[in-house]
Amino acid sequence: MEFLLICIIYTETVDQAIFLFNTALKEIKKFDFYIEWTTDMTAWLYNNLSIRLLRMTPCEVIEYPDLFKKTIENSLNFFEKHNFQLHMSIALIRKGIYFMDIPFIYKGLNKLKEAGEDEAYKIMLQVVLDCSKKF
């Protein structure tokens, strides 16, 4: 499963990422009796898909205009339902980066700081700074 998580990030096309994501979700559902493992793996799938969607080409954005928004909202709902605060914070930051929405970035960074996730805070702050250079 870990290999598949990495593959989603580095797919050449969004179609490939979506296919791998949906395939993995179907496979995970076969193991519903391992609730903790399945919810954790689903959270990582959402996070890794959001990384790939941040790298969409202009053509992919045109082809899938609402894909990032729909995916990030589904992931935020999932993270909230299962109380995955770390994942939620990172998803908020990615949402802010994608939509260039500073309040979402601050909200995610503040959640990381409040949770004592200092290393995650530093990493995500660097991601934000790196992304800001591209705009």
C-alpha atoms as a PDB file:
ATOM      1  CA  MET A   1       0.000   0.000   0.000  1.00  0.00           C
ATOM      2  CA  GLU A   2       2.866   2.380   0.784  1.00  0.00           C
ATOM      3  CA  PHE A   3       4.177   1.975  -2.769  1.00  0.00           C
ATOM      4  CA  LEU A   4       0.762   2.880  -4.145  1.00  0.00           C
ATOM      5  CA  LEU A   5       0.655   5.986  -1.959  1.00  0.00           C
ATOM      6  CA  ILE A   6       3.911   7.176  -3.516  1.00  0.00           C
ATOM      7  CA  CYS A   7       2.747   6.261  -7.018  1.00  0.00           C
ATOM      8  CA  ILE A   8      -0.283   8.539  -6.691  1.00  0.00           C
ATOM      9  CA  ILE A   9       1.957  11.545  -6.074  1.00  0.00           C
ATOM     10  CA  TYR A  10       4.172  10.902  -9.087  1.00  0.00           C
ATOM     11  CA  THR A  11       1.660   9.885 -11.747  1.00  0.00           C
ATOM     12  CA  GLU A  12       2.144  11.544 -15.093  1.00  0.00           C
ATOM     13  CA  THR A  13      -1.531  12.415 -15.498  1.00  0.00           C
ATOM     14  CA  VAL A  14      -4.427  13.233 -13.206  1.00  0.00           C
ATOM     15  CA  ASP A  15      -6.368  10.360 -14.786  1.00  0.00           C
ATOM     16  CA  GLN A  16      -3.718   7.931 -13.565  1.00  0.00           C
ATOM     17  CA  ALA A  17      -3.795   9.424 -10.060  1.00  0.00           C
ATOM     18  CA  ILE A  18      -7.591   9.193  -9.886  1.00  0.00           C
ATOM     19  CA  PHE A  19      -7.522   5.608 -11.145  1.00  0.00           C
ATOM     20  CA  LEU A  20      -4.952   4.583  -8.510  1.00  0.00           C
ATOM     21  CA  PHE A  21      -6.827   6.471  -5.785  1.00  0.00           C
ATOM     22  CA  ASN A  22     -10.168   4.813  -6.601  1.00  0.00           C
ATOM     23  CA  THR A  23      -8.557   1.386  -6.981  1.00  0.00           C
ATOM     24  CA  ALA A  24      -6.857   1.736  -3.598  1.00  0.00           C
ATOM     25  CA  LEU A  25     -10.102   2.837  -1.921  1.00  0.00           C
ATOM     26  CA  LYS A  26     -11.872  -0.254  -3.292  1.00  0.00           C
ATOM     27  CA  GLU A  27      -9.091  -2.505  -2.023  1.00  0.00           C
ATOM     28  CA  ILE A  28      -9.040  -0.858   1.405  1.00  0.00           C
ATOM     29  CA  LYS A  29     -12.783  -1.457   1.827  1.00  0.00           C
ATOM     30  CA  LYS A  30     -12.077  -5.191   1.753  1.00  0.00           C
ATOM     31  CA  PHE A  31     -10.323  -4.753   5.101  1.00  0.00           C
ATOM     32  CA  ASP A  32     -13.027  -2.821   6.962  1.00  0.00           C
ATOM     33  CA  PHE A  33     -12.533  -5.084   9.975  1.00  0.00           C
ATOM     34  CA  TYR A  34      -9.195  -3.233  10.513  1.00  0.00           C
ATOM     35  CA  ILE A  35     -10.904   0.099  11.102  1.00  0.00           C
ATOM     36  CA  GLU A  36      -7.841   1.938  12.391  1.00  0.00           C
ATOM     37  CA  TRP A  37      -5.674   0.807   9.468  1.00  0.00           C
ATOM     38  CA  THR A  38      -8.307   1.505   6.806  1.00  0.00           C
ATOM     39  CA  THR A  39      -9.077   5.008   8.066  1.00  0.00           C
ATOM     40  CA  ASP A  40      -5.382   5.826   8.358  1.00  0.00           C
ATOM     41  CA  MET A  41      -4.664   4.563   4.825  1.00  0.00           C
ATOM     42  CA  THR A  42      -7.661   6.471   3.446  1.00  0.00           C
ATOM     43  CA  ALA A  43      -6.356   9.662   5.056  1.00  0.00           C
ATOM     44  CA  TRP A  44      -2.957   9.158   3.439  1.00  0.00           C
ATOM     45  CA  LEU A  45      -4.595   8.467   0.084  1.00  0.00           C
ATOM     46  CA  TYR A  46      -6.475  11.758   0.257  1.00  0.00           C
ATOM     47  CA  ASN A  47      -3.321  13.619   1.260  1.00  0.00           C
ATOM     48  CA  ASN A  48      -1.239  12.118  -1.524  1.00  0.00           C
ATOM     49  CA  LEU A  49      -3.925  12.764  -4.130  1.00  0.00           C
ATOM     50  CA  SER A  50      -4.011  16.408  -3.052  1.00  0.00           C
ATOM     51  CA  ILE A  51      -0.241  16.625  -3.593  1.00  0.00           C
ATOM     52  CA  ARG A  52      -0.675  15.363  -7.159  1.00  0.00           C
ATOM     53  CA  LEU A  53      -3.610  17.680  -7.809  1.00  0.00           C
ATOM     54  CA  LEU A  54      -1.508  20.666  -6.756  1.00  0.00           C
ATOM     55  CA  ARG A  55       0.749  19.821  -9.703  1.00  0.00           C
ATOM     56  CA  MET A  56      -2.045  19.831 -12.293  1.00  0.00           C
ATOM     57  CA  THR A  57      -1.084  21.286 -15.630  1.00  0.00           C
ATOM     58  CA  PRO A  58      -3.171  24.125 -17.060  1.00  0.00           C
ATOM     59  CA  CYS A  59      -4.773  21.617 -19.459  1.00  0.00           C
ATOM     60  CA  GLU A  60      -5.718  19.327 -16.572  1.00  0.00           C
ATOM     61  CA  VAL A  61      -7.211  22.255 -14.653  1.00  0.00           C
ATOM     62  CA  ILE A  62      -9.355  23.074 -17.678  1.00  0.00           C
ATOM     63  CA  GLU A  63     -10.344  19.412 -18.113  1.00  0.00           C
ATOM     64  CA  TYR A  64     -11.139  18.976 -14.400  1.00  0.00           C
ATOM     65  CA  PRO A  65     -12.155  22.462 -13.205  1.00  0.00           C
ATOM     66  CA  ASP A  66     -13.683  21.369  -9.880  1.00  0.00           C
ATOM     67  CA  LEU A  67     -11.606  18.278  -9.135  1.00  0.00           C
ATOM     68  CA  PHE A  68      -9.291  19.864  -6.584  1.00  0.00           C
ATOM     69  CA  LYS A  69     -12.150  21.619  -4.792  1.00  0.00           C
ATOM     70  CA  LYS A  70     -14.254  18.452  -4.624  1.00  0.00           C
ATOM     71  CA  THR A  71     -11.328  16.295  -3.523  1.00  0.00           C
ATOM     72  CA  ILE A  72     -10.124  18.691  -0.833  1.00  0.00           C
ATOM     73  CA  GLU A  73     -13.647  19.130   0.564  1.00  0.00           C
ATOM     74  CA  ASN A  74     -14.126  15.338   0.686  1.00  0.00           C
ATOM     75  CA  SER A  75     -10.775  14.956   2.417  1.00  0.00           C
ATOM     76  CA  LEU A  76     -11.504  17.707   4.954  1.00  0.00           C
ATOM     77  CA  ASN A  77     -14.861  16.079   5.771  1.00  0.00           C
ATOM     78  CA  PHE A  78     -13.128  12.707   6.183  1.00  0.00           C
ATOM     79  CA  PHE A  79     -10.405  14.177   8.398  1.00  0.00           C
ATOM     80  CA  GLU A  80     -12.937  15.967  10.567  1.00  0.00           C
ATOM     81  CA  LYS A  81     -15.118  12.864  10.910  1.00  0.00           C
ATOM     82  CA  HIS A  82     -12.148  10.785  12.065  1.00  0.00           C
ATOM     83  CA  ASN A  83     -10.451  13.594  14.027  1.00  0.00           C
ATOM     84  CA  PHE A  84      -7.265  13.560  11.944  1.00  0.00           C
ATOM     85  CA  GLN A  85      -6.024  16.998  12.972  1.00  0.00           C
ATOM     86  CA  LEU A  86      -2.583  16.708  11.376  1.00  0.00           C
ATOM     87  CA  HIS A  87      -4.044  15.668   8.020  1.00  0.00           C
ATOM     88  CA  MET A  88      -6.699  18.379   8.278  1.00  0.00           C
ATOM     89  CA  SER A  89      -4.113  21.074   8.945  1.00  0.00           C
ATOM     90  CA  ILE A  90      -2.057  20.034   5.948  1.00  0.00           C
ATOM     91  CA  ALA A  91      -5.149  19.862   3.736  1.00  0.00           C
ATOM     92  CA  LEU A  92      -6.131  23.396   4.784  1.00  0.00           C
ATOM     93  CA  ILE A  93      -2.682  24.640   3.827  1.00  0.00           C
ATOM     94  CA  ARG A  94      -2.854  22.889   0.446  1.00  0.00           C
ATOM     95  CA  LYS A  95      -6.313  24.345  -0.148  1.00  0.00           C
ATOM     96  CA  GLY A  96      -4.917  27.780   0.618  1.00  0.00           C
ATOM     97  CA  ILE A  97      -2.001  27.238  -1.756  1.00  0.00           C
ATOM     98  CA  TYR A  98      -4.229  26.016  -4.585  1.00  0.00           C
ATOM     99  CA  PHE A  99      -6.741  28.843  -4.282  1.00  0.00           C
ATOM    100  CA  MET A 100      -4.092  31.391  -3.175  1.00  0.00           C
ATOM    101  CA  ASP A 101      -6.186  31.958  -0.060  1.00  0.00           C
ATOM    102  CA  ILE A 102      -3.989  33.245   2.767  1.00  0.00           C
ATOM    103  CA  PRO A 103      -6.566  32.677   5.589  1.00  0.00           C
ATOM    104  CA  PHE A 104      -6.648  28.917   4.849  1.00  0.00           C
ATOM    105  CA  ILE A 105      -2.858  28.801   4.911  1.00  0.00           C
ATOM    106  CA  TYR A 106      -2.733  30.614   8.253  1.00  0.00           C
ATOM    107  CA  LYS A 107      -5.506  28.448   9.679  1.00  0.00           C
ATOM    108  CA  GLY A 108      -3.621  25.262   8.759  1.00  0.00           C
ATOM    109  CA  LEU A 109      -0.283  26.567  10.010  1.00  0.00           C
ATOM    110  CA  ASN A 110      -1.852  27.742  13.272  1.00  0.00           C
ATOM    111  CA  LYS A 111      -3.483  24.330  13.810  1.00  0.00           C
ATOM    112  CA  LEU A 112      -0.084  22.676  13.393  1.00  0.00           C
ATOM    113  CA  LYS A 113       1.528  25.098  15.833  1.00  0.00           C
ATOM    114  CA  GLU A 114      -1.258  24.631  18.422  1.00  0.00           C
ATOM    115  CA  ALA A 115      -0.990  20.849  18.124  1.00  0.00           C
ATOM    116  CA  GLY A 116       2.734  21.002  18.840  1.00  0.00           C
ATOM    117  CA  GLU A 117       3.567  19.626  15.398  1.00  0.00           C
ATOM    118  CA  ASP A 118       6.706  21.738  15.112  1.00  0.00           C
ATOM    119  CA  GLU A 119       8.411  19.671  12.415  1.00  0.00           C
ATOM    120  CA  ALA A 120       5.255  19.515  10.281  1.00  0.00           C
ATOM    121  CA  TYR A 121       4.865  23.275  10.793  1.00  0.00           C
ATOM    122  CA  LYS A 122       8.407  23.937   9.535  1.00  0.00           C
ATOM    123  CA  ILE A 123       7.947  21.655   6.535  1.00  0.00           C
ATOM    124  CA  MET A 124       4.598  23.138   5.532  1.00  0.00           C
ATOM    125  CA  LEU A 125       5.860  26.690   6.062  1.00  0.00           C
ATOM    126  CA  GLN A 126       8.714  25.908   3.668  1.00  0.00           C
ATOM    127  CA  VAL A 127       6.196  24.454   1.174  1.00  0.00           C
ATOM    128  CA  VAL A 128       4.174  27.665   1.373  1.00  0.00           C
ATOM    129  CA  LEU A 129       7.280  29.792   0.883  1.00  0.00           C
ATOM    130  CA  ASP A 130       8.424  27.670  -2.069  1.00  0.00           C
ATOM    131  CA  CYS A 131       4.995  27.893  -3.685  1.00  0.00           C
ATOM    132  CA  SER A 132       4.835  31.648  -3.165  1.00  0.00           C
ATOM    133  CA  LYS A 133       8.007  32.027  -5.241  1.00  0.00           C
ATOM    134  CA  LYS A 134       6.245  30.414  -8.205  1.00  0.00           C
ATOM    135  CA  PHE A 135       3.494  33.022  -8.274  1.00  0.00           C
END
